[in-house]
Amino acid sequence: MDIIDYSEHRSETLLALGIETYATLASIFVLAQVLAHSSIGIGSSIQHWLSQSGMSVWTIAVASYVGTLLTEAASWASAATPIVHSQAPTHLAAWALGSGIFAGSSSLVTAASAGIILSQETKNYPEGSRITFGSYVIFGLLFSIFILGYYILVLSLFFY
């Protein structure tokens, strides 16, 4: 009956991550809010760029991609959603925001961390078969840009 009495282990589970993990997560959320703030970050530039484009799908997706690339998915979603929703409270804008965030979350940070893991896993492979950090970062960025382009195309074709 572990399902019923899981609350006994809740504090152990939360403390297992360590204070460093929570401090890192908090700092990433703060960074995203600062970047998106209209007076101290790039928020006003993002708002200006989005409004000049008429809140087009591609600008929302690209802005959310870049924001996610600079921070991470959840923190950028919490920072950028009010900006996008204030100017374009539509389902299409929400899908474009989510698509850019999804593509951005599979970009540099994900590619870099996976590259380190794959590099360690393939260190005993012959020289030509190893996956290096640099090659995987390039692959991750190119693949995430492909994903971004695919989402922009699909949203542009099917939601207009």
N, C-alpha and C. Protein backbone atom coordinates (compact mmCIF):
# COMPACT_ATOMS: atom_id res chain seq x y z
N MET A 1 0.83 -1.19 0.00
CA MET A 1 0.00 0.00 0.00
C MET A 1 0.87 1.26 0.00
N ASP A 2 1.92 1.26 -0.78
CA ASP A 2 2.79 2.43 -0.86
C ASP A 2 2.07 3.64 -1.43
N ILE A 3 1.06 3.40 -2.23
CA ILE A 3 0.35 4.51 -2.86
C ILE A 3 -0.39 5.33 -1.81
N ILE A 4 -0.92 4.65 -0.82
CA ILE A 4 -1.72 5.35 0.19
C ILE A 4 -0.84 6.13 1.16
N ASP A 5 0.28 5.56 1.59
CA ASP A 5 1.08 6.23 2.61
C ASP A 5 2.34 6.88 2.04
N TYR A 6 2.26 7.39 0.82
CA TYR A 6 3.41 8.04 0.21
C TYR A 6 3.77 9.35 0.91
N SER A 7 2.83 9.97 1.62
CA SER A 7 3.12 11.25 2.25
C SER A 7 4.20 11.13 3.33
N GLU A 8 4.39 9.93 3.85
CA GLU A 8 5.46 9.72 4.83
C GLU A 8 6.82 9.98 4.21
N HIS A 9 6.95 9.70 2.93
CA HIS A 9 8.24 9.80 2.25
C HIS A 9 8.36 11.06 1.41
N ARG A 10 7.37 11.91 1.46
CA ARG A 10 7.38 13.12 0.62
C ARG A 10 8.58 14.01 0.96
N SER A 11 8.83 14.27 2.22
CA SER A 11 9.94 15.16 2.58
C SER A 11 11.28 14.55 2.20
N GLU A 12 11.42 13.24 2.34
CA GLU A 12 12.66 12.58 1.93
C GLU A 12 12.87 12.73 0.42
N THR A 13 11.80 12.58 -0.31
CA THR A 13 11.89 12.70 -1.77
C THR A 13 12.28 14.11 -2.17
N LEU A 14 11.67 15.11 -1.56
CA LEU A 14 11.98 16.49 -1.89
C LEU A 14 13.40 16.87 -1.49
N LEU A 15 13.88 16.36 -0.38
CA LEU A 15 15.23 16.68 0.08
C LEU A 15 16.31 15.89 -0.65
N ALA A 16 15.93 14.83 -1.36
CA ALA A 16 16.91 14.00 -2.06
C ALA A 16 17.62 14.77 -3.17
N LEU A 17 16.98 15.76 -3.74
CA LEU A 17 17.60 16.52 -4.82
C LEU A 17 18.71 17.44 -4.33
N GLY A 18 18.65 17.86 -3.10
CA GLY A 18 19.67 18.75 -2.57
C GLY A 18 19.32 20.21 -2.78
N ILE A 19 19.81 21.05 -1.90
CA ILE A 19 19.51 22.48 -1.95
C ILE A 19 20.09 23.13 -3.20
N GLU A 20 21.20 22.59 -3.70
CA GLU A 20 21.82 23.16 -4.90
C GLU A 20 20.89 23.08 -6.10
N THR A 21 20.17 21.97 -6.21
CA THR A 21 19.24 21.80 -7.32
C THR A 21 18.13 22.84 -7.26
N TYR A 22 17.57 23.04 -6.08
CA TYR A 22 16.50 24.02 -5.93
C TYR A 22 17.01 25.44 -6.13
N ALA A 23 18.22 25.72 -5.68
CA ALA A 23 18.80 27.05 -5.89
C ALA A 23 19.03 27.31 -7.38
N THR A 24 19.49 26.29 -8.10
CA THR A 24 19.71 26.42 -9.54
C THR A 24 18.39 26.66 -10.26
N LEU A 25 17.37 25.89 -9.92
CA LEU A 25 16.06 26.08 -10.55
C LEU A 25 15.51 27.47 -10.27
N ALA A 26 15.63 27.92 -9.04
CA ALA A 26 15.14 29.26 -8.70
C ALA A 26 15.89 30.33 -9.47
N SER A 27 17.20 30.18 -9.59
CA SER A 27 17.98 31.20 -10.30
C SER A 27 17.65 31.22 -11.79
N ILE A 28 17.34 30.08 -12.37
CA ILE A 28 16.96 30.05 -13.79
C ILE A 28 15.63 30.76 -13.99
N PHE A 29 14.68 30.56 -13.06
CA PHE A 29 13.39 31.25 -13.16
C PHE A 29 13.57 32.76 -12.98
N VAL A 30 14.44 33.16 -12.07
CA VAL A 30 14.71 34.58 -11.87
C VAL A 30 15.36 35.16 -13.13
N LEU A 31 16.32 34.45 -13.70
CA LEU A 31 16.97 34.91 -14.93
C LEU A 31 15.96 35.10 -16.06
N ALA A 32 15.05 34.16 -16.22
CA ALA A 32 14.03 34.28 -17.27
C ALA A 32 13.14 35.50 -17.03
N GLN A 33 12.75 35.74 -15.79
CA GLN A 33 11.90 36.89 -15.49
C GLN A 33 12.65 38.20 -15.74
N VAL A 34 13.93 38.24 -15.41
CA VAL A 34 14.73 39.44 -15.65
C VAL A 34 14.89 39.67 -17.15
N LEU A 35 15.18 38.61 -17.90
CA LEU A 35 15.33 38.76 -19.35
C LEU A 35 14.04 39.24 -20.01
N ALA A 36 12.91 38.77 -19.52
CA ALA A 36 11.63 39.14 -20.13
C ALA A 36 11.06 40.44 -19.59
N HIS A 37 11.63 41.00 -18.56
CA HIS A 37 11.09 42.23 -17.97
C HIS A 37 11.22 43.38 -18.96
N SER A 38 10.18 44.18 -19.05
CA SER A 38 10.14 45.22 -20.08
C SER A 38 11.11 46.37 -19.84
N SER A 39 11.50 46.62 -18.61
CA SER A 39 12.37 47.78 -18.39
C SER A 39 13.83 47.41 -18.16
N ILE A 40 14.13 46.19 -17.75
CA ILE A 40 15.52 45.84 -17.50
C ILE A 40 16.03 44.70 -18.38
N GLY A 41 15.16 44.03 -19.05
CA GLY A 41 15.57 42.90 -19.88
C GLY A 41 15.29 43.17 -21.35
N ILE A 42 15.13 42.11 -22.07
CA ILE A 42 14.84 42.23 -23.49
C ILE A 42 13.35 42.14 -23.76
N GLY A 43 12.55 42.18 -22.70
CA GLY A 43 11.10 42.08 -22.84
C GLY A 43 10.50 43.13 -23.73
N SER A 44 10.95 44.38 -23.60
CA SER A 44 10.39 45.44 -24.46
C SER A 44 10.79 45.22 -25.91
N SER A 45 12.00 44.74 -26.14
CA SER A 45 12.42 44.43 -27.52
C SER A 45 11.58 43.30 -28.10
N ILE A 46 11.32 42.29 -27.28
CA ILE A 46 10.49 41.18 -27.72
C ILE A 46 9.08 41.67 -28.03
N GLN A 47 8.50 42.46 -27.14
CA GLN A 47 7.16 42.99 -27.36
C GLN A 47 7.10 43.84 -28.62
N HIS A 48 8.10 44.69 -28.82
CA HIS A 48 8.15 45.55 -30.00
C HIS A 48 8.26 44.70 -31.27
N TRP A 49 9.15 43.73 -31.26
CA TRP A 49 9.36 42.87 -32.42
C TRP A 49 8.09 42.07 -32.73
N LEU A 50 7.45 41.52 -31.70
CA LEU A 50 6.23 40.75 -31.91
C LEU A 50 5.09 41.62 -32.44
N SER A 51 4.93 42.81 -31.88
CA SER A 51 3.84 43.67 -32.33
C SER A 51 4.08 44.18 -33.75
N GLN A 52 5.34 44.47 -34.12
CA GLN A 52 5.64 44.90 -35.49
C GLN A 52 5.35 43.80 -36.51
N SER A 53 5.51 42.56 -36.08
CA SER A 53 5.26 41.45 -37.01
C SER A 53 3.79 41.08 -37.09
N GLY A 54 2.97 41.73 -36.30
CA GLY A 54 1.56 41.38 -36.28
C GLY A 54 1.29 40.10 -35.51
N MET A 55 2.19 39.77 -34.60
CA MET A 55 2.10 38.55 -33.80
C MET A 55 2.02 37.31 -34.70
N SER A 56 2.88 37.28 -35.70
CA SER A 56 2.89 36.15 -36.62
C SER A 56 3.42 34.91 -35.93
N VAL A 57 3.06 33.78 -36.47
CA VAL A 57 3.46 32.49 -35.90
C VAL A 57 4.97 32.38 -35.82
N TRP A 58 5.65 32.74 -36.89
CA TRP A 58 7.09 32.53 -36.91
C TRP A 58 7.81 33.42 -35.89
N THR A 59 7.35 34.66 -35.68
CA THR A 59 8.04 35.51 -34.71
C THR A 59 7.81 35.03 -33.29
N ILE A 60 6.60 34.58 -32.99
CA ILE A 60 6.34 34.06 -31.64
C ILE A 60 7.19 32.82 -31.40
N ALA A 61 7.23 31.92 -32.39
CA ALA A 61 8.00 30.68 -32.24
C ALA A 61 9.50 30.96 -32.13
N VAL A 62 10.02 31.86 -32.95
CA VAL A 62 11.45 32.17 -32.89
C VAL A 62 11.81 32.87 -31.57
N ALA A 63 10.97 33.80 -31.13
CA ALA A 63 11.23 34.48 -29.86
C ALA A 63 11.22 33.49 -28.70
N SER A 64 10.28 32.55 -28.72
CA SER A 64 10.24 31.58 -27.63
C SER A 64 11.39 30.58 -27.74
N TYR A 65 11.83 30.29 -28.95
CA TYR A 65 13.00 29.42 -29.15
C TYR A 65 14.25 30.06 -28.53
N VAL A 66 14.48 31.32 -28.87
CA VAL A 66 15.67 32.02 -28.38
C VAL A 66 15.60 32.20 -26.86
N GLY A 67 14.45 32.55 -26.35
CA GLY A 67 14.30 32.70 -24.90
C GLY A 67 14.56 31.40 -24.16
N THR A 68 14.07 30.31 -24.72
CA THR A 68 14.31 29.00 -24.11
C THR A 68 15.77 28.62 -24.21
N LEU A 69 16.39 28.96 -25.32
CA LEU A 69 17.81 28.68 -25.50
C LEU A 69 18.64 29.41 -24.44
N LEU A 70 18.22 30.62 -24.06
CA LEU A 70 18.96 31.40 -23.06
C LEU A 70 18.67 30.97 -21.63
N THR A 71 17.52 30.37 -21.39
CA THR A 71 17.16 29.98 -20.02
C THR A 71 16.86 28.49 -19.99
N GLU A 72 15.61 28.12 -20.02
CA GLU A 72 15.13 26.75 -20.15
C GLU A 72 13.63 26.81 -20.31
N ALA A 73 13.00 25.70 -20.57
CA ALA A 73 11.61 25.69 -21.03
C ALA A 73 10.61 26.24 -20.01
N ALA A 74 10.56 25.69 -18.82
CA ALA A 74 9.53 26.10 -17.86
C ALA A 74 9.69 27.55 -17.44
N SER A 75 10.93 27.97 -17.22
CA SER A 75 11.14 29.34 -16.77
C SER A 75 10.79 30.33 -17.89
N TRP A 76 11.15 30.00 -19.13
CA TRP A 76 10.83 30.91 -20.23
C TRP A 76 9.33 30.93 -20.49
N ALA A 77 8.67 29.79 -20.35
CA ALA A 77 7.23 29.75 -20.52
C ALA A 77 6.53 30.66 -19.51
N SER A 78 7.00 30.63 -18.27
CA SER A 78 6.37 31.49 -17.25
C SER A 78 6.67 32.97 -17.49
N ALA A 79 7.80 33.27 -18.12
CA ALA A 79 8.15 34.66 -18.37
C ALA A 79 7.53 35.19 -19.66
N ALA A 80 7.46 34.37 -20.70
CA ALA A 80 7.01 34.85 -22.01
C ALA A 80 5.50 34.76 -22.22
N THR A 81 4.84 33.89 -21.50
CA THR A 81 3.40 33.73 -21.70
C THR A 81 2.63 35.03 -21.49
N PRO A 82 2.89 35.80 -20.43
CA PRO A 82 2.16 37.07 -20.29
C PRO A 82 2.43 38.05 -21.43
N ILE A 83 3.64 38.06 -21.96
CA ILE A 83 3.98 38.96 -23.06
C ILE A 83 3.16 38.59 -24.30
N VAL A 84 3.17 37.32 -24.65
CA VAL A 84 2.46 36.87 -25.85
C VAL A 84 0.95 36.98 -25.65
N HIS A 85 0.47 36.55 -24.50
CA HIS A 85 -0.98 36.56 -24.27
C HIS A 85 -1.56 37.97 -24.24
N SER A 86 -0.78 38.93 -23.77
CA SER A 86 -1.30 40.31 -23.72
C SER A 86 -1.52 40.89 -25.12
N GLN A 87 -0.73 40.43 -26.09
CA GLN A 87 -0.84 40.96 -27.44
C GLN A 87 -1.60 40.04 -28.39
N ALA A 88 -1.65 38.77 -28.09
CA ALA A 88 -2.33 37.82 -28.98
C ALA A 88 -2.96 36.71 -28.16
N PRO A 89 -4.12 36.96 -27.57
CA PRO A 89 -4.76 35.93 -26.73
C PRO A 89 -5.51 34.89 -27.57
N THR A 90 -4.77 34.18 -28.42
CA THR A 90 -5.39 33.19 -29.31
C THR A 90 -4.75 31.82 -29.10
N HIS A 91 -5.45 30.79 -29.56
CA HIS A 91 -4.89 29.44 -29.49
C HIS A 91 -3.67 29.31 -30.39
N LEU A 92 -3.71 29.96 -31.54
CA LEU A 92 -2.58 29.91 -32.46
C LEU A 92 -1.32 30.49 -31.82
N ALA A 93 -1.45 31.60 -31.13
CA ALA A 93 -0.30 32.20 -30.45
C ALA A 93 0.23 31.28 -29.36
N ALA A 94 -0.68 30.63 -28.63
CA ALA A 94 -0.27 29.70 -27.59
C ALA A 94 0.47 28.50 -28.19
N TRP A 95 -0.03 27.99 -29.31
CA TRP A 95 0.65 26.89 -29.98
C TRP A 95 2.01 27.32 -30.51
N ALA A 96 2.11 28.51 -31.05
CA ALA A 96 3.40 29.01 -31.55
C ALA A 96 4.39 29.18 -30.41
N LEU A 97 3.91 29.71 -29.28
CA LEU A 97 4.77 29.86 -28.10
C LEU A 97 5.26 28.50 -27.62
N GLY A 98 4.34 27.56 -27.49
CA GLY A 98 4.71 26.22 -27.05
C GLY A 98 5.64 25.51 -28.01
N SER A 99 5.43 25.70 -29.30
CA SER A 99 6.28 25.07 -30.30
C SER A 99 7.70 25.59 -30.25
N GLY A 100 7.84 26.91 -30.11
CA GLY A 100 9.19 27.49 -29.99
C GLY A 100 9.89 27.04 -28.72
N ILE A 101 9.13 26.95 -27.64
CA ILE A 101 9.71 26.51 -26.38
C ILE A 101 10.14 25.05 -26.50
N PHE A 102 9.31 24.23 -27.13
CA PHE A 102 9.67 22.82 -27.31
C PHE A 102 10.94 22.68 -28.14
N ALA A 103 11.00 23.39 -29.25
CA ALA A 103 12.18 23.30 -30.11
C ALA A 103 13.41 23.85 -29.38
N GLY A 104 13.24 24.94 -28.64
CA GLY A 104 14.36 25.52 -27.91
C GLY A 104 14.85 24.63 -26.79
N SER A 105 13.94 23.88 -26.17
CA SER A 105 14.36 23.02 -25.06
C SER A 105 15.19 21.84 -25.55
N SER A 106 15.10 21.52 -26.82
CA SER A 106 15.93 20.44 -27.35
C SER A 106 17.18 21.00 -28.02
N SER A 107 17.51 22.22 -27.72
CA SER A 107 18.64 22.87 -28.39
C SER A 107 19.93 22.73 -27.58
N LEU A 108 20.59 23.81 -27.35
CA LEU A 108 21.96 23.79 -26.85
C LEU A 108 22.15 23.07 -25.52
N VAL A 109 21.36 23.38 -24.52
CA VAL A 109 21.60 22.78 -23.21
C VAL A 109 21.39 21.27 -23.28
N THR A 110 20.31 20.86 -23.90
CA THR A 110 20.03 19.43 -24.03
C THR A 110 21.11 18.75 -24.86
N ALA A 111 21.45 19.37 -25.97
CA ALA A 111 22.48 18.78 -26.84
C ALA A 111 23.81 18.71 -26.12
N ALA A 112 24.14 19.74 -25.37
CA ALA A 112 25.42 19.76 -24.68
C ALA A 112 25.48 18.69 -23.59
N SER A 113 24.44 18.59 -22.79
CA SER A 113 24.47 17.59 -21.72
C SER A 113 24.46 16.18 -22.29
N ALA A 114 23.66 15.96 -23.33
CA ALA A 114 23.65 14.64 -23.96
C ALA A 114 25.00 14.36 -24.62
N GLY A 115 25.61 15.40 -25.18
CA GLY A 115 26.92 15.23 -25.80
C GLY A 115 27.97 14.78 -24.80
N ILE A 116 27.93 15.33 -23.60
CA ILE A 116 28.89 14.93 -22.57
C ILE A 116 28.67 13.47 -22.20
N ILE A 117 27.41 13.09 -22.02
CA ILE A 117 27.10 11.71 -21.66
C ILE A 117 27.52 10.76 -22.77
N LEU A 118 27.18 11.09 -24.02
CA LEU A 118 27.55 10.23 -25.14
C LEU A 118 29.06 10.17 -25.33
N SER A 119 29.73 11.28 -25.08
CA SER A 119 31.18 11.31 -25.19
C SER A 119 31.81 10.33 -24.20
N GLN A 120 31.30 10.32 -22.98
CA GLN A 120 31.81 9.39 -21.97
C GLN A 120 31.49 7.95 -22.33
N GLU A 121 30.29 7.73 -22.86
CA GLU A 121 29.88 6.37 -23.21
C GLU A 121 30.65 5.83 -24.40
N THR A 122 31.10 6.69 -25.29
CA THR A 122 31.78 6.22 -26.50
C THR A 122 33.30 6.39 -26.43
N LYS A 123 33.86 6.69 -25.27
CA LYS A 123 35.31 6.93 -25.18
C LYS A 123 36.13 5.68 -25.51
N ASN A 124 35.55 4.50 -25.37
CA ASN A 124 36.29 3.28 -25.69
C ASN A 124 36.09 2.84 -27.14
N TYR A 125 35.33 3.61 -27.91
CA TYR A 125 35.12 3.29 -29.32
C TYR A 125 36.34 3.73 -30.11
N PRO A 126 36.49 3.22 -31.31
CA PRO A 126 37.59 3.70 -32.17
C PRO A 126 37.44 5.20 -32.45
N GLU A 127 38.54 5.85 -32.71
CA GLU A 127 38.57 7.31 -32.87
C GLU A 127 37.51 7.85 -33.82
N GLY A 128 37.30 7.24 -34.96
CA GLY A 128 36.35 7.74 -35.93
C GLY A 128 34.89 7.53 -35.55
N SER A 129 34.59 6.69 -34.57
CA SER A 129 33.21 6.39 -34.19
C SER A 129 32.75 7.13 -32.94
N ARG A 130 33.63 7.84 -32.31
CA ARG A 130 33.27 8.54 -31.07
C ARG A 130 32.36 9.72 -31.36
N ILE A 131 31.48 9.97 -30.42
CA ILE A 131 30.62 11.15 -30.50
C ILE A 131 31.24 12.20 -29.59
N THR A 132 31.63 13.32 -30.17
CA THR A 132 32.27 14.36 -29.38
C THR A 132 31.25 15.40 -28.95
N PHE A 133 31.62 16.17 -27.96
CA PHE A 133 30.77 17.25 -27.47
C PHE A 133 30.43 18.23 -28.60
N GLY A 134 31.43 18.64 -29.36
CA GLY A 134 31.22 19.60 -30.45
C GLY A 134 30.31 19.07 -31.54
N SER A 135 30.50 17.82 -31.92
CA SER A 135 29.65 17.26 -32.97
C SER A 135 28.21 17.12 -32.51
N TYR A 136 28.02 16.78 -31.24
CA TYR A 136 26.65 16.63 -30.76
C TYR A 136 25.97 17.98 -30.56
N VAL A 137 26.71 19.00 -30.16
CA VAL A 137 26.13 20.34 -30.04
C VAL A 137 25.65 20.82 -31.41
N ILE A 138 26.47 20.62 -32.42
CA ILE A 138 26.06 21.02 -33.77
C ILE A 138 24.83 20.25 -34.19
N PHE A 139 24.82 18.94 -33.96
CA PHE A 139 23.66 18.14 -34.30
C PHE A 139 22.42 18.64 -33.54
N GLY A 140 22.56 18.89 -32.24
CA GLY A 140 21.43 19.34 -31.43
C GLY A 140 20.86 20.66 -31.90
N LEU A 141 21.73 21.61 -32.23
CA LEU A 141 21.26 22.91 -32.71
C LEU A 141 20.58 22.79 -34.07
N LEU A 142 21.19 22.06 -34.98
CA LEU A 142 20.59 21.91 -36.31
C LEU A 142 19.26 21.17 -36.23
N PHE A 143 19.19 20.14 -35.41
CA PHE A 143 17.95 19.40 -35.29
C PHE A 143 16.86 20.25 -34.64
N SER A 144 17.22 21.04 -33.64
CA SER A 144 16.20 21.89 -32.99
C SER A 144 15.72 22.99 -33.94
N ILE A 145 16.59 23.50 -34.80
CA ILE A 145 16.17 24.49 -35.80
C ILE A 145 15.25 23.83 -36.83
N PHE A 146 15.54 22.58 -37.18
CA PHE A 146 14.65 21.84 -38.07
C PHE A 146 13.27 21.68 -37.42
N ILE A 147 13.25 21.31 -36.15
CA ILE A 147 11.97 21.16 -35.43
C ILE A 147 11.22 22.49 -35.43
N LEU A 148 11.92 23.57 -35.16
CA LEU A 148 11.30 24.89 -35.15
C LEU A 148 10.68 25.21 -36.51
N GLY A 149 11.42 24.98 -37.57
CA GLY A 149 10.90 25.22 -38.91
C GLY A 149 9.69 24.36 -39.23
N TYR A 150 9.74 23.11 -38.81
CA TYR A 150 8.61 22.21 -39.02
C TYR A 150 7.36 22.72 -38.31
N TYR A 151 7.49 23.12 -37.07
CA TYR A 151 6.33 23.64 -36.33
C TYR A 151 5.78 24.92 -36.95
N ILE A 152 6.66 25.80 -37.35
CA ILE A 152 6.21 27.04 -37.99
C ILE A 152 5.43 26.71 -39.26
N LEU A 153 5.94 25.78 -40.06
CA LEU A 153 5.26 25.39 -41.29
C LEU A 153 3.89 24.78 -41.00
N VAL A 154 3.84 23.85 -40.08
CA VAL A 154 2.57 23.18 -39.75
C VAL A 154 1.56 24.18 -39.20
N LEU A 155 1.99 25.02 -38.26
CA LEU A 155 1.06 25.99 -37.69
C LEU A 155 0.60 27.00 -38.73
N SER A 156 1.48 27.39 -39.61
CA SER A 156 1.11 28.35 -40.65
C SER A 156 0.13 27.76 -41.66
N LEU A 157 0.29 26.50 -41.97
CA LEU A 157 -0.57 25.86 -42.96
C LEU A 157 -1.94 25.45 -42.41
N PHE A 158 -1.96 24.94 -41.21
CA PHE A 158 -3.19 24.34 -40.70
C PHE A 158 -4.03 25.24 -39.81
N PHE A 159 -3.49 26.33 -39.32
CA PHE A 159 -4.27 27.18 -38.44
C PHE A 159 -4.72 28.48 -39.10
N TYR A 160 -4.38 28.69 -40.35
CA TYR A 160 -4.82 29.91 -41.03
C TYR A 160 -5.90 29.58 -42.02
